[in-house]
Amino acid sequence: MSRLFSQLCSPARSVEACHSPQQSNVTSYGATTLAIISLEAFAGMWINAFLVCVLCIAWVKKKTLNSNEKILLLLGCSRFWHLCISWVYSFLSIIYPNYLYVHTIIQLIVSFQTFLNYSHLWFSACLCVFYCIKIANFRNRFFIYLKVKIDRIVPWLLLGSGILASAVSIIIYDLAETDSNNLNFTCLGNFLEASVRMDKHFFSSFFLMGFGYAASFMAVIFSAVFLLFSLWRHKRKMQTNSRNNLSMDAHIRAMKSILSFLVMYSINFICLILTIIYVNKNENTMILLISIYLNAFPGVHSLILIFGNPKLEKALLKILCYVKCKFFMK
C-alpha cells in the first residue's frame, strides 16, 4: 500500500483534510518526483503496449497463441495498466492531493493498484516457472510429468493468479473503506479509538501484502535456481564432450539472462518490503528511490523479455529503424 494512503489515514492529516480547500500546492521536490515517475511510467507503458500489440497481431494471424505468448500477453496488459494507474495516483497525490479524500476514489485506486501489482508479479513468476519446466532437464518423474503437461497447466496458473489478485484487491478495498469511515470519525474528534482500529487494519493489510510478495518471490527464486543449475550442468557436459561453441554460447546467454532477472526481481522484492517498512515514516529520499525503482522495473524487465524473444526483437528493431528513417528524412 502506498505511502500517501498511510498518510491519508493518519489523524493529523485527516483533521486538515476536513477543512482544507481543493487546491494545488506543488513543491519543487514534488514536481521533480512527478517528472521522474512520469518519464518511467510512459516509457514502461510504451514498451508494454508494444509487447501487447505484437502478440495480438500474431494472435489474429495464427488464430492461436502458445503458452509462452499467453503469459507474455497478460503480463504486458497488467504492467501497462499498473503503470497507468500508478501514474494517475502519483499525479493526484502530488498535484491535487485533496481529490483523494473524495469518498471511493482512494479505495478504488488502491484496490486497482493492488490487483494490477499482484497480477504482474504473479504473471512474471508464472513465466519463470514455465521457463524452468520447459527448458530445465531433470530425470525426476514428477518433473517429467510437469514438462509434458505444462501447456495444459499454464491457463490454470494464469487463472489462479488472477483470482488471487482479485481476492487480495477486494480485501484491500474493504480495509480502505473501513479506514475511510474511521477518517470521518476522526474528523469528529475521537483520535485514539480511530487510531487503534486503523493499526489493526494496517497490520492485516501489510501481512497480506507481504505474504503475496513473498510467495511470488519464492516461486521465482526456486525456478531460477533450478533452471540455472540445469543450464550450468548441461554447459559442463558440452565442454566435456567438446560440443560446438554456438550451443554453449546460447546456454551462457540464457544463464546471464536468468541471473539478471533474478537480481532484478530480488531488488524489486526488497523495495516492496521497504515500502511496507517506511510507509509510516517521513523518509522522503528513501521513498523516492524505492518509487523510482518500482516504476522502472515493469518497463525494464519487459524490455529484457522483448530482446530475449527473436520475433519481438525483430519487430522492435523494425519500428526503431522506421522511426529513425522518418526522423532523418525530415
C-alpha atoms as a PDB file:
ATOM      1  CA  MET A   1       0.000   0.000   0.000  1.00  0.00           C
ATOM      2  CA  SER A   2       1.342   3.398  -0.957  1.00  0.00           C
ATOM      3  CA  ARG A   3       2.798   5.996   1.341  1.00  0.00           C
ATOM      4  CA  LEU A   4       0.079   8.540   0.585  1.00  0.00           C
ATOM      5  CA  PHE A   5      -2.617   6.104   1.678  1.00  0.00           C
ATOM      6  CA  SER A   6      -0.941   5.731   5.068  1.00  0.00           C
ATOM      7  CA  GLN A   7      -0.603   9.485   5.419  1.00  0.00           C
ATOM      8  CA  LEU A   8      -4.208   9.874   4.362  1.00  0.00           C
ATOM      9  CA  CYS A   9      -5.307   7.657   7.226  1.00  0.00           C
ATOM     10  CA  SER A  10      -3.269   9.446   9.911  1.00  0.00           C
ATOM     11  CA  PRO A  11      -5.320  11.537  12.391  1.00  0.00           C
ATOM     12  CA  ALA A  12      -3.351  14.772  11.922  1.00  0.00           C
ATOM     13  CA  ARG A  13      -3.744  14.656   8.166  1.00  0.00           C
ATOM     14  CA  SER A  14      -7.410  13.755   8.475  1.00  0.00           C
ATOM     15  CA  VAL A  15      -8.276  16.841  10.531  1.00  0.00           C
ATOM     16  CA  GLU A  16      -6.505  19.012   7.996  1.00  0.00           C
ATOM     17  CA  ALA A  17      -8.423  17.282   5.200  1.00  0.00           C
ATOM     18  CA  CYS A  18     -11.732  18.153   6.829  1.00  0.00           C
ATOM     19  CA  HIS A  19     -11.062  21.868   6.468  1.00  0.00           C
ATOM     20  CA  SER A  20      -8.532  22.299   3.632  1.00  0.00           C
ATOM     21  CA  PRO A  21      -9.644  23.711   0.256  1.00  0.00           C
ATOM     22  CA  GLN A  22      -9.340  21.917  -3.079  1.00  0.00           C
ATOM     23  CA  GLN A  23      -6.130  23.475  -4.369  1.00  0.00           C
ATOM     24  CA  SER A  24      -2.770  22.537  -5.804  1.00  0.00           C
ATOM     25  CA  ASN A  25       0.367  23.306  -3.801  1.00  0.00           C
ATOM     26  CA  VAL A  26       3.284  21.716  -5.675  1.00  0.00           C
ATOM     27  CA  THR A  27       6.817  21.987  -4.313  1.00  0.00           C
ATOM     28  CA  SER A  28       9.968  21.651  -6.400  1.00  0.00           C
ATOM     29  CA  TYR A  29      10.575  18.256  -4.766  1.00  0.00           C
ATOM     30  CA  GLY A  30       7.088  17.094  -5.765  1.00  0.00           C
ATOM     31  CA  ALA A  31       7.491  18.398  -9.319  1.00  0.00           C
ATOM     32  CA  THR A  32      10.838  16.601  -9.706  1.00  0.00           C
ATOM     33  CA  THR A  33       9.380  13.373  -8.324  1.00  0.00           C
ATOM     34  CA  LEU A  34       6.403  13.571 -10.675  1.00  0.00           C
ATOM     35  CA  ALA A  35       8.673  14.271 -13.658  1.00  0.00           C
ATOM     36  CA  ILE A  36      10.834  11.200 -12.938  1.00  0.00           C
ATOM     37  CA  ILE A  37       7.837   8.932 -12.299  1.00  0.00           C
ATOM     38  CA  SER A  38       6.089  10.234 -15.448  1.00  0.00           C
ATOM     39  CA  LEU A  39       9.151   9.522 -17.607  1.00  0.00           C
ATOM     40  CA  GLU A  40       9.441   5.971 -16.265  1.00  0.00           C
ATOM     41  CA  ALA A  41       5.697   5.328 -16.431  1.00  0.00           C
ATOM     42  CA  PHE A  42       5.219   6.493 -20.036  1.00  0.00           C
ATOM     43  CA  ALA A  43       8.352   4.668 -21.223  1.00  0.00           C
ATOM     44  CA  GLY A  44       7.181   1.475 -19.495  1.00  0.00           C
ATOM     45  CA  MET A  45       3.653   1.889 -20.877  1.00  0.00           C
ATOM     46  CA  TRP A  46       5.030   2.267 -24.410  1.00  0.00           C
ATOM     47  CA  ILE A  47       7.218  -0.843 -24.050  1.00  0.00           C
ATOM     48  CA  ASN A  48       4.378  -2.974 -22.685  1.00  0.00           C
ATOM     49  CA  ALA A  49       1.888  -1.588 -25.228  1.00  0.00           C
ATOM     50  CA  PHE A  50       4.310  -2.635 -27.982  1.00  0.00           C
ATOM     51  CA  LEU A  51       4.570  -6.107 -26.436  1.00  0.00           C
ATOM     52  CA  VAL A  52       0.775  -6.471 -26.286  1.00  0.00           C
ATOM     53  CA  CYS A  53       0.223  -5.139 -29.835  1.00  0.00           C
ATOM     54  CA  VAL A  54       2.767  -7.511 -31.420  1.00  0.00           C
ATOM     55  CA  LEU A  55       1.284 -10.516 -29.598  1.00  0.00           C
ATOM     56  CA  CYS A  56      -2.296  -9.504 -30.501  1.00  0.00           C
ATOM     57  CA  ILE A  57      -1.330  -9.179 -34.179  1.00  0.00           C
ATOM     58  CA  ALA A  58       0.295 -12.622 -34.037  1.00  0.00           C
ATOM     59  CA  TRP A  59      -2.849 -13.965 -32.334  1.00  0.00           C
ATOM     60  CA  VAL A  60      -5.059 -12.613 -35.128  1.00  0.00           C
ATOM     61  CA  LYS A  61      -2.781 -14.070 -37.821  1.00  0.00           C
ATOM     62  CA  LYS A  62      -2.246 -17.500 -36.269  1.00  0.00           C
ATOM     63  CA  LYS A  63      -5.648 -17.735 -34.533  1.00  0.00           C
ATOM     64  CA  THR A  64      -3.831 -19.140 -31.514  1.00  0.00           C
ATOM     65  CA  LEU A  65      -1.069 -18.398 -29.016  1.00  0.00           C
ATOM     66  CA  ASN A  66       1.402 -20.757 -27.388  1.00  0.00           C
ATOM     67  CA  SER A  67       1.801 -20.873 -23.590  1.00  0.00           C
ATOM     68  CA  ASN A  68       4.763 -18.503 -23.555  1.00  0.00           C
ATOM     69  CA  GLU A  69       2.858 -15.901 -25.599  1.00  0.00           C
ATOM     70  CA  LYS A  70      -0.235 -16.185 -23.379  1.00  0.00           C
ATOM     71  CA  ILE A  71       1.812 -15.376 -20.293  1.00  0.00           C
ATOM     72  CA  LEU A  72       3.606 -12.507 -22.042  1.00  0.00           C
ATOM     73  CA  LEU A  73       0.307 -11.058 -23.283  1.00  0.00           C
ATOM     74  CA  LEU A  74      -1.287 -10.996 -19.826  1.00  0.00           C
ATOM     75  CA  LEU A  75       1.968  -9.774 -18.294  1.00  0.00           C
ATOM     76  CA  GLY A  76       2.154  -6.886 -20.780  1.00  0.00           C
ATOM     77  CA  CYS A  77      -1.501  -5.918 -20.200  1.00  0.00           C
ATOM     78  CA  SER A  78      -1.204  -5.983 -16.411  1.00  0.00           C
ATOM     79  CA  ARG A  79       2.014  -3.956 -16.453  1.00  0.00           C
ATOM     80  CA  PHE A  80       0.587  -1.364 -18.860  1.00  0.00           C
ATOM     81  CA  TRP A  81      -2.455  -0.702 -16.668  1.00  0.00           C
ATOM     82  CA  HIS A  82      -0.397  -0.933 -13.473  1.00  0.00           C
ATOM     83  CA  LEU A  83       1.890   1.855 -14.708  1.00  0.00           C
ATOM     84  CA  CYS A  84      -1.125   3.855 -15.880  1.00  0.00           C
ATOM     85  CA  ILE A  85      -2.928   3.651 -12.513  1.00  0.00           C
ATOM     86  CA  SER A  86       0.317   4.318 -10.615  1.00  0.00           C
ATOM     87  CA  TRP A  87       0.929   7.458 -12.670  1.00  0.00           C
ATOM     88  CA  VAL A  88      -2.641   8.713 -12.108  1.00  0.00           C
ATOM     89  CA  TYR A  89      -2.213   8.084  -8.379  1.00  0.00           C
ATOM     90  CA  SER A  90       1.138   9.904  -8.300  1.00  0.00           C
ATOM     91  CA  PHE A  91      -0.275  12.820 -10.307  1.00  0.00           C
ATOM     92  CA  LEU A  92      -3.255  13.250  -7.982  1.00  0.00           C
ATOM     93  CA  SER A  93      -1.212  12.782  -4.796  1.00  0.00           C
ATOM     94  CA  ILE A  94       1.319  15.458  -5.841  1.00  0.00           C
ATOM     95  CA  ILE A  95      -0.734  17.952  -7.868  1.00  0.00           C
ATOM     96  CA  TYR A  96      -4.252  17.603  -6.415  1.00  0.00           C
ATOM     97  CA  PRO A  97      -3.896  15.570  -3.186  1.00  0.00           C
ATOM     98  CA  ASN A  98      -7.252  16.699  -1.782  1.00  0.00           C
ATOM     99  CA  TYR A  99      -9.160  14.959  -4.577  1.00  0.00           C
ATOM    100  CA  LEU A 100      -8.091  11.677  -2.995  1.00  0.00           C
ATOM    101  CA  TYR A 101     -10.187  12.499   0.060  1.00  0.00           C
ATOM    102  CA  VAL A 102     -13.368  12.163  -2.003  1.00  0.00           C
ATOM    103  CA  HIS A 103     -15.208   9.011  -0.975  1.00  0.00           C
ATOM    104  CA  THR A 104     -14.435   5.838  -3.037  1.00  0.00           C
ATOM    105  CA  ILE A 105     -11.630   7.472  -5.100  1.00  0.00           C
ATOM    106  CA  ILE A 106      -8.799   6.358  -2.813  1.00  0.00           C
ATOM    107  CA  GLN A 107     -10.491   2.981  -2.267  1.00  0.00           C
ATOM    108  CA  LEU A 108     -10.841   2.293  -6.000  1.00  0.00           C
ATOM    109  CA  ILE A 109      -7.324   3.470  -6.859  1.00  0.00           C
ATOM    110  CA  VAL A 110      -5.698   1.414  -4.088  1.00  0.00           C
ATOM    111  CA  SER A 111      -7.807  -1.629  -4.997  1.00  0.00           C
ATOM    112  CA  PHE A 112      -6.998  -1.464  -8.729  1.00  0.00           C
ATOM    113  CA  GLN A 113      -3.343  -0.759  -7.990  1.00  0.00           C
ATOM    114  CA  THR A 114      -3.170  -3.795  -5.681  1.00  0.00           C
ATOM    115  CA  PHE A 115      -4.879  -6.040  -8.254  1.00  0.00           C
ATOM    116  CA  LEU A 116      -2.543  -4.980 -11.091  1.00  0.00           C
ATOM    117  CA  ASN A 117       0.559  -5.097  -8.902  1.00  0.00           C
ATOM    118  CA  TYR A 118      -0.186  -8.636  -7.736  1.00  0.00           C
ATOM    119  CA  SER A 119      -1.164  -9.671 -11.269  1.00  0.00           C
ATOM    120  CA  HIS A 120       2.081  -8.610 -12.926  1.00  0.00           C
ATOM    121  CA  LEU A 121       4.186 -10.053 -10.086  1.00  0.00           C
ATOM    122  CA  TRP A 122       2.424 -13.414 -10.266  1.00  0.00           C
ATOM    123  CA  PHE A 123       2.385 -13.484 -14.084  1.00  0.00           C
ATOM    124  CA  SER A 124       6.153 -12.878 -14.109  1.00  0.00           C
ATOM    125  CA  ALA A 125       6.516 -15.675 -11.539  1.00  0.00           C
ATOM    126  CA  CYS A 126       4.429 -17.946 -13.812  1.00  0.00           C
ATOM    127  CA  LEU A 127       6.727 -17.057 -16.714  1.00  0.00           C
ATOM    128  CA  CYS A 128       9.790 -18.023 -14.685  1.00  0.00           C
ATOM    129  CA  VAL A 129       8.167 -21.313 -13.605  1.00  0.00           C
ATOM    130  CA  PHE A 130       7.202 -22.019 -17.226  1.00  0.00           C
ATOM    131  CA  TYR A 131      10.774 -21.423 -18.471  1.00  0.00           C
ATOM    132  CA  CYS A 132      12.165 -23.639 -15.714  1.00  0.00           C
ATOM    133  CA  ILE A 133       9.865 -26.581 -16.519  1.00  0.00           C
ATOM    134  CA  LYS A 134      10.177 -26.162 -20.288  1.00  0.00           C
ATOM    135  CA  ILE A 135      13.970 -25.683 -20.501  1.00  0.00           C
ATOM    136  CA  ALA A 136      15.442 -27.460 -17.468  1.00  0.00           C
ATOM    137  CA  ASN A 137      16.356 -31.110 -17.834  1.00  0.00           C
ATOM    138  CA  PHE A 138      15.870 -33.305 -14.755  1.00  0.00           C
ATOM    139  CA  ARG A 139      15.103 -37.029 -14.582  1.00  0.00           C
ATOM    140  CA  ASN A 140      12.640 -36.768 -11.726  1.00  0.00           C
ATOM    141  CA  ARG A 141       9.284 -38.392 -12.626  1.00  0.00           C
ATOM    142  CA  PHE A 142       7.219 -35.541 -11.290  1.00  0.00           C
ATOM    143  CA  PHE A 143       9.299 -33.011 -13.231  1.00  0.00           C
ATOM    144  CA  ILE A 144       8.918 -35.047 -16.445  1.00  0.00           C
ATOM    145  CA  TYR A 145       5.157 -35.165 -15.832  1.00  0.00           C
ATOM    146  CA  LEU A 146       5.084 -31.361 -15.443  1.00  0.00           C
ATOM    147  CA  LYS A 147       7.119 -30.934 -18.621  1.00  0.00           C
ATOM    148  CA  VAL A 148       4.576 -32.996 -20.582  1.00  0.00           C
ATOM    149  CA  LYS A 149       1.531 -31.278 -19.031  1.00  0.00           C
ATOM    150  CA  ILE A 150       2.873 -27.718 -18.747  1.00  0.00           C
ATOM    151  CA  ASP A 151       0.880 -26.364 -21.709  1.00  0.00           C
ATOM    152  CA  ARG A 152      -2.345 -27.514 -20.055  1.00  0.00           C
ATOM    153  CA  ILE A 153      -1.252 -26.237 -16.633  1.00  0.00           C
ATOM    154  CA  VAL A 154      -0.404 -22.689 -17.788  1.00  0.00           C
ATOM    155  CA  PRO A 155      -4.046 -21.500 -18.244  1.00  0.00           C
ATOM    156  CA  TRP A 156      -4.861 -22.721 -14.730  1.00  0.00           C
ATOM    157  CA  LEU A 157      -1.782 -20.946 -13.331  1.00  0.00           C
ATOM    158  CA  LEU A 158      -2.859 -17.716 -15.001  1.00  0.00           C
ATOM    159  CA  LEU A 159      -6.447 -18.119 -13.810  1.00  0.00           C
ATOM    160  CA  GLY A 160      -5.263 -18.831 -10.266  1.00  0.00           C
ATOM    161  CA  SER A 161      -3.018 -15.758 -10.337  1.00  0.00           C
ATOM    162  CA  GLY A 162      -5.927 -13.594 -11.470  1.00  0.00           C
ATOM    163  CA  ILE A 163      -8.260 -14.989  -8.791  1.00  0.00           C
ATOM    164  CA  LEU A 164      -5.617 -14.468  -6.085  1.00  0.00           C
ATOM    165  CA  ALA A 165      -5.008 -10.876  -7.202  1.00  0.00           C
ATOM    166  CA  SER A 166      -8.775 -10.218  -7.290  1.00  0.00           C
ATOM    167  CA  ALA A 167      -9.262 -11.638  -3.793  1.00  0.00           C
ATOM    168  CA  VAL A 168      -6.462  -9.513  -2.350  1.00  0.00           C
ATOM    169  CA  SER A 169      -7.735  -6.360  -4.079  1.00  0.00           C
ATOM    170  CA  ILE A 170     -11.260  -6.933  -2.688  1.00  0.00           C
ATOM    171  CA  ILE A 171      -9.839  -7.321   0.834  1.00  0.00           C
ATOM    172  CA  ILE A 172      -7.729  -4.176   0.408  1.00  0.00           C
ATOM    173  CA  TYR A 173     -10.799  -2.279  -0.838  1.00  0.00           C
ATOM    174  CA  ASP A 174     -12.732  -3.383   2.242  1.00  0.00           C
ATOM    175  CA  LEU A 175      -9.880  -2.274   4.526  1.00  0.00           C
ATOM    176  CA  ALA A 176      -9.641   1.054   2.706  1.00  0.00           C
ATOM    177  CA  GLU A 177     -13.411   1.532   3.075  1.00  0.00           C
ATOM    178  CA  THR A 178     -13.171   0.823   6.809  1.00  0.00           C
ATOM    179  CA  ASP A 179     -10.284   3.266   7.190  1.00  0.00           C
ATOM    180  CA  SER A 180     -12.276   5.870   5.258  1.00  0.00           C
ATOM    181  CA  ASN A 181     -15.088   5.517   7.801  1.00  0.00           C
ATOM    182  CA  ASN A 182     -12.516   5.921  10.556  1.00  0.00           C
ATOM    183  CA  LEU A 183     -11.370   9.128   8.862  1.00  0.00           C
ATOM    184  CA  ASN A 184     -14.865  10.594   9.118  1.00  0.00           C
ATOM    185  CA  PHE A 185     -14.986   9.533  12.752  1.00  0.00           C
ATOM    186  CA  THR A 186     -11.564  11.099  13.324  1.00  0.00           C
ATOM    187  CA  CYS A 187     -12.790  14.422  11.980  1.00  0.00           C
ATOM    188  CA  LEU A 188     -15.363  14.412  14.774  1.00  0.00           C
ATOM    189  CA  GLY A 189     -12.593  14.352  17.334  1.00  0.00           C
ATOM    190  CA  ASN A 190     -12.102  10.809  18.703  1.00  0.00           C
ATOM    191  CA  PHE A 191      -8.483  10.243  17.607  1.00  0.00           C
ATOM    192  CA  LEU A 192      -7.449   7.396  19.898  1.00  0.00           C
ATOM    193  CA  GLU A 193     -10.155   4.862  19.044  1.00  0.00           C
ATOM    194  CA  ALA A 194      -9.800   5.518  15.306  1.00  0.00           C
ATOM    195  CA  SER A 195      -6.023   5.097  15.508  1.00  0.00           C
ATOM    196  CA  VAL A 196      -6.340   1.736  17.261  1.00  0.00           C
ATOM    197  CA  ARG A 197      -8.776   0.486  14.601  1.00  0.00           C
ATOM    198  CA  MET A 198      -6.519   1.655  11.770  1.00  0.00           C
ATOM    199  CA  ASP A 199      -3.443  -0.018  13.311  1.00  0.00           C
ATOM    200  CA  LYS A 200      -5.319  -3.341  13.317  1.00  0.00           C
ATOM    201  CA  HIS A 201      -6.411  -2.914   9.709  1.00  0.00           C
ATOM    202  CA  PHE A 202      -2.949  -1.848   8.570  1.00  0.00           C
ATOM    203  CA  PHE A 203      -1.375  -4.879  10.247  1.00  0.00           C
ATOM    204  CA  SER A 204      -3.816  -7.179   8.408  1.00  0.00           C
ATOM    205  CA  SER A 205      -3.231  -5.485   5.046  1.00  0.00           C
ATOM    206  CA  PHE A 206       0.567  -5.416   5.469  1.00  0.00           C
ATOM    207  CA  PHE A 207       0.649  -9.099   6.428  1.00  0.00           C
ATOM    208  CA  LEU A 208      -1.497  -9.981   3.418  1.00  0.00           C
ATOM    209  CA  MET A 209       0.648  -7.936   1.041  1.00  0.00           C
ATOM    210  CA  GLY A 210       3.899  -9.300   2.470  1.00  0.00           C
ATOM    211  CA  PHE A 211       2.677 -12.886   2.153  1.00  0.00           C
ATOM    212  CA  GLY A 212       1.703 -12.359  -1.506  1.00  0.00           C
ATOM    213  CA  TYR A 213       5.052 -10.753  -2.327  1.00  0.00           C
ATOM    214  CA  ALA A 214       6.991 -13.499  -0.517  1.00  0.00           C
ATOM    215  CA  ALA A 215       5.072 -16.330  -2.233  1.00  0.00           C
ATOM    216  CA  SER A 216       5.723 -14.977  -5.742  1.00  0.00           C
ATOM    217  CA  PHE A 217       9.346 -14.244  -4.828  1.00  0.00           C
ATOM    218  CA  MET A 218       9.924 -17.808  -3.608  1.00  0.00           C
ATOM    219  CA  ALA A 219       8.401 -19.201  -6.825  1.00  0.00           C
ATOM    220  CA  VAL A 220      10.816 -17.085  -8.868  1.00  0.00           C
ATOM    221  CA  ILE A 221      13.822 -17.964  -6.687  1.00  0.00           C
ATOM    222  CA  PHE A 222      13.295 -21.740  -6.850  1.00  0.00           C
ATOM    223  CA  SER A 223      12.512 -21.722 -10.577  1.00  0.00           C
ATOM    224  CA  ALA A 224      15.527 -19.553 -11.440  1.00  0.00           C
ATOM    225  CA  VAL A 225      17.920 -21.570  -9.254  1.00  0.00           C
ATOM    226  CA  PHE A 226      16.759 -24.915 -10.708  1.00  0.00           C
ATOM    227  CA  LEU A 227      17.000 -23.559 -14.245  1.00  0.00           C
ATOM    228  CA  LEU A 228      20.461 -22.074 -13.677  1.00  0.00           C
ATOM    229  CA  PHE A 229      21.668 -25.375 -12.191  1.00  0.00           C
ATOM    230  CA  SER A 230      20.299 -27.335 -15.159  1.00  0.00           C
ATOM    231  CA  LEU A 231      21.870 -24.979 -17.721  1.00  0.00           C
ATOM    232  CA  TRP A 232      25.200 -24.958 -15.864  1.00  0.00           C
ATOM    233  CA  ARG A 233      25.250 -28.762 -15.711  1.00  0.00           C
ATOM    234  CA  HIS A 234      24.393 -29.002 -19.418  1.00  0.00           C
ATOM    235  CA  LYS A 235      27.124 -26.481 -20.255  1.00  0.00           C
ATOM    236  CA  ARG A 236      29.710 -28.584 -18.399  1.00  0.00           C
ATOM    237  CA  LYS A 237      28.641 -31.666 -20.319  1.00  0.00           C
ATOM    238  CA  MET A 238      29.070 -29.802 -23.619  1.00  0.00           C
ATOM    239  CA  GLN A 239      32.522 -28.649 -22.550  1.00  0.00           C
ATOM    240  CA  THR A 240      33.489 -32.229 -21.637  1.00  0.00           C
ATOM    241  CA  ASN A 241      32.166 -33.611 -24.946  1.00  0.00           C
ATOM    242  CA  SER A 242      33.673 -30.718 -26.950  1.00  0.00           C
ATOM    243  CA  ARG A 243      30.316 -29.742 -28.424  1.00  0.00           C
ATOM    244  CA  ASN A 244      30.066 -26.738 -30.712  1.00  0.00           C
ATOM    245  CA  ASN A 245      30.619 -23.283 -29.260  1.00  0.00           C
ATOM    246  CA  LEU A 246      27.387 -21.799 -30.650  1.00  0.00           C
ATOM    247  CA  SER A 247      25.221 -24.041 -28.498  1.00  0.00           C
ATOM    248  CA  MET A 248      27.364 -23.370 -25.439  1.00  0.00           C
ATOM    249  CA  ASP A 249      27.244 -19.611 -26.061  1.00  0.00           C
ATOM    250  CA  ALA A 250      23.440 -19.822 -26.235  1.00  0.00           C
ATOM    251  CA  HIS A 251      23.369 -21.560 -22.854  1.00  0.00           C
ATOM    252  CA  ILE A 252      25.694 -18.947 -21.351  1.00  0.00           C
ATOM    253  CA  ARG A 253      23.473 -16.115 -22.668  1.00  0.00           C
ATOM    254  CA  ALA A 254      20.413 -17.858 -21.229  1.00  0.00           C
ATOM    255  CA  MET A 255      22.136 -18.174 -17.846  1.00  0.00           C
ATOM    256  CA  LYS A 256      23.080 -14.473 -17.868  1.00  0.00           C
ATOM    257  CA  SER A 257      19.506 -13.512 -18.772  1.00  0.00           C
ATOM    258  CA  ILE A 258      18.011 -15.617 -15.964  1.00  0.00           C
ATOM    259  CA  LEU A 259      20.599 -14.324 -13.496  1.00  0.00           C
ATOM    260  CA  SER A 260      19.828 -10.705 -14.419  1.00  0.00           C
ATOM    261  CA  PHE A 261      16.094 -11.346 -13.965  1.00  0.00           C
ATOM    262  CA  LEU A 262      16.775 -12.985 -10.597  1.00  0.00           C
ATOM    263  CA  VAL A 263      18.795  -9.954  -9.438  1.00  0.00           C
ATOM    264  CA  MET A 264      16.116  -7.514 -10.675  1.00  0.00           C
ATOM    265  CA  TYR A 265      13.283  -9.447  -9.056  1.00  0.00           C
ATOM    266  CA  SER A 266      15.229  -9.701  -5.780  1.00  0.00           C
ATOM    267  CA  ILE A 267      15.770  -5.924  -5.714  1.00  0.00           C
ATOM    268  CA  ASN A 268      12.095  -5.422  -6.566  1.00  0.00           C
ATOM    269  CA  PHE A 269      11.059  -7.681  -3.665  1.00  0.00           C
ATOM    270  CA  ILE A 270      13.342  -5.790  -1.260  1.00  0.00           C
ATOM    271  CA  CYS A 271      11.847  -2.472  -2.446  1.00  0.00           C
ATOM    272  CA  LEU A 272       8.307  -3.776  -1.896  1.00  0.00           C
ATOM    273  CA  ILE A 273       9.198  -4.832   1.653  1.00  0.00           C
ATOM    274  CA  LEU A 274      10.907  -1.480   2.301  1.00  0.00           C
ATOM    275  CA  THR A 275       7.724   0.237   1.108  1.00  0.00           C
ATOM    276  CA  ILE A 276       5.818  -1.570   3.859  1.00  0.00           C
ATOM    277  CA  ILE A 277       8.514  -0.695   6.441  1.00  0.00           C
ATOM    278  CA  TYR A 278       8.813   3.002   5.532  1.00  0.00           C
ATOM    279  CA  VAL A 279       5.113   3.572   4.826  1.00  0.00           C
ATOM    280  CA  ASN A 280       4.544   5.425   8.122  1.00  0.00           C
ATOM    281  CA  LYS A 281       7.903   7.229   8.204  1.00  0.00           C
ATOM    282  CA  ASN A 282       8.776  10.568   6.667  1.00  0.00           C
ATOM    283  CA  GLU A 283      11.802   9.229   4.783  1.00  0.00           C
ATOM    284  CA  ASN A 284      11.282  11.214   1.585  1.00  0.00           C
ATOM    285  CA  THR A 285      14.584  10.277  -0.038  1.00  0.00           C
ATOM    286  CA  MET A 286      14.162   6.560   0.648  1.00  0.00           C
ATOM    287  CA  ILE A 287      10.544   6.582  -0.572  1.00  0.00           C
ATOM    288  CA  LEU A 288      11.597   8.425  -3.744  1.00  0.00           C
ATOM    289  CA  LEU A 289      14.381   5.915  -4.531  1.00  0.00           C
ATOM    290  CA  ILE A 290      12.034   2.983  -3.921  1.00  0.00           C
ATOM    291  CA  SER A 291       9.325   4.549  -6.110  1.00  0.00           C
ATOM    292  CA  ILE A 292      11.812   5.163  -8.923  1.00  0.00           C
ATOM    293  CA  TYR A 293      12.885   1.515  -8.975  1.00  0.00           C
ATOM    294  CA  LEU A 294       9.363   0.103  -8.611  1.00  0.00           C
ATOM    295  CA  ASN A 295       8.179   2.218 -11.556  1.00  0.00           C
ATOM    296  CA  ALA A 296      11.222   1.276 -13.647  1.00  0.00           C
ATOM    297  CA  PHE A 297      11.005  -2.495 -13.060  1.00  0.00           C
ATOM    298  CA  PRO A 298       7.918  -3.273 -15.249  1.00  0.00           C
ATOM    299  CA  GLY A 299       9.381  -1.426 -18.247  1.00  0.00           C
ATOM    300  CA  VAL A 300      12.984  -2.621 -17.935  1.00  0.00           C
ATOM    301  CA  HIS A 301      12.048  -6.266 -17.394  1.00  0.00           C
ATOM    302  CA  SER A 302       9.588  -6.209 -20.317  1.00  0.00           C
ATOM    303  CA  LEU A 303      12.354  -4.725 -22.488  1.00  0.00           C
ATOM    304  CA  ILE A 304      14.651  -7.609 -21.484  1.00  0.00           C
ATOM    305  CA  LEU A 305      11.891 -10.075 -22.406  1.00  0.00           C
ATOM    306  CA  ILE A 306      11.483  -8.379 -25.804  1.00  0.00           C
ATOM    307  CA  PHE A 307      15.191  -8.658 -26.607  1.00  0.00           C
ATOM    308  CA  GLY A 308      15.136 -12.259 -25.409  1.00  0.00           C
ATOM    309  CA  ASN A 309      12.427 -13.150 -27.938  1.00  0.00           C
ATOM    310  CA  PRO A 310      13.589 -13.142 -31.603  1.00  0.00           C
ATOM    311  CA  LYS A 311      10.151 -12.241 -33.026  1.00  0.00           C
ATOM    312  CA  LEU A 312       9.572  -9.379 -30.608  1.00  0.00           C
ATOM    313  CA  GLU A 313      13.137  -8.121 -31.038  1.00  0.00           C
ATOM    314  CA  LYS A 314      12.797  -8.139 -34.828  1.00  0.00           C
ATOM    315  CA  ALA A 315       9.509  -6.198 -34.656  1.00  0.00           C
ATOM    316  CA  LEU A 316      11.003  -3.629 -32.270  1.00  0.00           C
ATOM    317  CA  LEU A 317      14.075  -3.106 -34.451  1.00  0.00           C
ATOM    318  CA  LYS A 318      11.811  -2.607 -37.486  1.00  0.00           C
ATOM    319  CA  ILE A 319       9.858   0.102 -35.674  1.00  0.00           C
ATOM    320  CA  LEU A 320      13.025   1.808 -34.445  1.00  0.00           C
ATOM    321  CA  CYS A 321      14.524   1.760 -37.955  1.00  0.00           C
ATOM    322  CA  TYR A 322      11.285   3.210 -39.384  1.00  0.00           C
ATOM    323  CA  VAL A 323      11.236   5.999 -36.794  1.00  0.00           C
ATOM    324  CA  LYS A 324      14.923   6.699 -37.375  1.00  0.00           C
ATOM    325  CA  CYS A 325      14.426   6.960 -41.144  1.00  0.00           C
ATOM    326  CA  LYS A 326      11.419   9.270 -40.744  1.00  0.00           C
ATOM    327  CA  PHE A 327      13.355  11.474 -38.316  1.00  0.00           C
ATOM    328  CA  PHE A 328      16.419  11.871 -40.555  1.00  0.00           C
ATOM    329  CA  MET A 329      14.291  12.400 -43.672  1.00  0.00           C
ATOM    330  CA  LYS A 330      12.792  15.486 -42.035  1.00  0.00           C
END
